[in-house]
Protein backbone atom coordinates (compact mmCIF):
# COMPACT_ATOMS: atom_id res chain seq x y z
CA MET A 1 131.13 324.55 87.54
CA ALA A 2 131.36 321.30 89.30
CA LEU A 3 128.55 318.73 88.88
CA PRO A 4 126.11 318.03 91.97
CA SER A 5 126.27 314.99 93.58
CA TYR A 6 124.61 311.82 93.22
CA LYS A 7 122.99 312.37 96.29
CA THR A 8 121.17 315.44 95.59
CA LEU A 9 119.89 314.05 92.46
CA PRO A 10 117.20 311.87 93.33
CA PRO A 11 114.74 310.10 90.56
CA ALA A 12 111.46 311.59 90.08
CA LYS A 13 108.42 310.00 91.54
CA GLY A 14 107.72 306.89 89.60
CA GLU A 15 110.84 307.31 87.68
CA SER A 16 112.17 303.79 86.74
CA ASN A 17 115.79 303.05 87.13
CA LEU A 18 116.10 303.69 83.13
CA ASP A 19 114.30 306.75 82.56
CA TYR A 20 116.44 307.85 85.43
CA CYS A 21 119.74 306.82 83.79
CA ARG A 22 118.58 308.81 80.56
CA ARG A 23 118.05 311.78 82.53
CA LEU A 24 121.55 311.52 84.34
CA GLU A 25 122.75 310.93 80.64
CA ALA A 26 121.11 313.68 79.16
CA ALA A 27 122.61 316.06 82.05
CA GLY A 28 126.34 314.85 80.69
CA HIS A 29 127.24 312.63 83.78
CA ASP A 30 129.74 309.64 83.30
CA ALA A 31 129.12 306.00 83.84
CA LEU A 32 130.65 306.14 87.45
CA PHE A 33 127.83 308.99 88.27
CA LEU A 34 124.92 306.71 86.98
CA HIS A 35 126.44 303.53 88.59
CA ASN A 36 126.77 305.21 91.93
CA ALA A 37 123.45 306.85 91.62
CA LEU A 38 121.45 303.51 90.84
CA ALA A 39 123.26 301.93 93.68
CA HIS A 40 122.59 304.77 96.25
CA HIS A 41 118.81 305.13 95.25
CA PHE A 42 117.67 301.87 93.44
CA GLN A 43 119.76 299.60 96.12
CA LEU A 44 120.32 297.38 92.79
CA PRO A 45 122.64 294.63 93.00
CA LYS A 46 125.94 294.93 90.86
CA ASP A 47 125.07 292.49 87.94
CA ASP A 48 121.84 294.75 87.78
CA ILE A 49 123.84 297.64 87.42
CA LYS A 50 126.07 296.40 85.24
CA HIS A 51 123.23 295.52 82.95
CA CYS A 52 121.63 298.85 83.14
CA LEU A 53 124.67 300.58 82.51
CA ASP A 54 125.15 298.61 79.09
CA GLN A 55 122.49 300.76 77.73
CA PHE A 56 124.28 304.11 78.38
CA PRO A 57 127.29 303.84 76.06
CA GLU A 58 127.73 307.51 75.80
CA ALA A 59 128.18 307.81 79.51
CA ARG A 60 130.98 305.16 79.75
CA LEU A 61 132.65 307.37 76.99
CA ARG A 62 132.64 310.12 79.20
CA HIS A 63 134.00 308.16 82.39
CA VAL A 64 136.67 306.71 79.76
CA ALA A 65 137.55 310.25 78.41
CA LEU A 66 137.45 311.49 81.78
CA LEU A 67 140.23 308.69 83.32
CA THR A 68 142.15 309.78 80.34
CA LYS A 69 142.15 313.05 81.26
CA LEU A 70 142.97 312.97 84.91
CA HIS A 71 146.03 310.45 83.98
CA PRO A 72 146.93 311.06 80.13
CA SER A 73 150.36 308.87 80.46
CA ARG A 74 148.43 305.93 81.48
CA SER A 75 148.85 302.91 79.92
CA ALA A 76 146.40 300.84 78.03
CA TYR A 77 146.31 298.04 80.31
CA ALA A 78 146.17 300.38 83.35
CA LEU A 79 143.24 302.58 81.68
CA ALA A 80 141.02 299.38 81.06
CA ASP A 81 141.85 297.96 84.70
CA LYS A 82 140.58 301.00 86.32
CA LEU A 83 137.52 301.29 84.09
CA ALA A 84 136.77 297.50 84.66
CA VAL A 85 137.11 298.38 88.78
CA ASN A 86 135.00 301.43 88.55
CA LEU A 87 132.07 300.07 86.54
CA GLY A 88 132.45 296.62 87.55
CA MET A 89 132.98 294.96 84.32
CA THR A 90 135.34 292.15 82.89
CA LEU A 91 139.09 293.64 82.13
CA ASN A 92 138.05 292.14 78.48
CA GLU A 93 134.81 294.87 77.99
CA ALA A 94 136.98 297.35 79.38
CA LYS A 95 139.82 297.05 76.99
CA ASP A 96 136.58 296.98 74.33
CA TRP A 97 135.55 300.58 75.87
CA ALA A 98 138.90 301.68 76.09
CA LEU A 99 139.45 301.03 72.43
CA ALA A 100 136.33 302.84 71.61
CA HIS A 101 137.14 305.71 73.03
CA ASP A 102 140.36 305.75 71.20
CA THR A 103 138.71 305.04 67.80
CA SER A 104 136.24 307.52 68.45
CA THR A 105 139.02 310.78 69.60
CA LEU A 106 141.38 309.81 66.48
CA ASN A 107 142.40 312.71 64.54
CA PRO A 108 142.01 311.19 60.89
CA ASP A 109 144.52 313.06 59.45
CA GLN A 110 147.48 311.99 62.20
CA TYR A 111 147.07 308.03 61.13
CA ARG A 112 146.80 308.62 57.66
CA ILE A 113 148.60 306.24 55.61
CA ARG A 114 150.68 308.16 53.25
CA PRO A 115 152.53 306.28 49.77
CA THR A 116 156.15 306.68 50.35
CA HIS A 117 158.12 307.46 46.83
CA GLY A 118 159.23 304.06 44.94
CA THR A 119 156.93 301.69 46.97
CA ALA A 120 154.87 300.67 44.17
CA ALA A 121 157.56 300.26 41.50
CA LYS A 122 159.45 297.90 44.34
CA LEU A 123 155.88 295.76 44.23
CA GLN A 124 155.68 295.14 41.22
């Protein structure tokens, strides 16, 4: 089932932009959805939208996950660049979010360091 458009989910009467974002994030929307909804319903400048979205890390990670799912072979740089463009952040911030997504989805068994035979003896 597709999620509704941000245009069809207006803020409740008297709802602040932060409360509105909390409601949308709790409903499972990603940061791009929140970004577009804030721009449409509150006509906030890009800097204000970015600072508002700083308070919703789960929505940002959802957006990174969506970008990764859409293009799993995308390079780390391309992922960070796309994230920066979509959410109006710097490339360095976007790299941090891409890395945060990677570490949140790591399989510990896949990255476990296993001792090799004879290594301890060679180090003595």
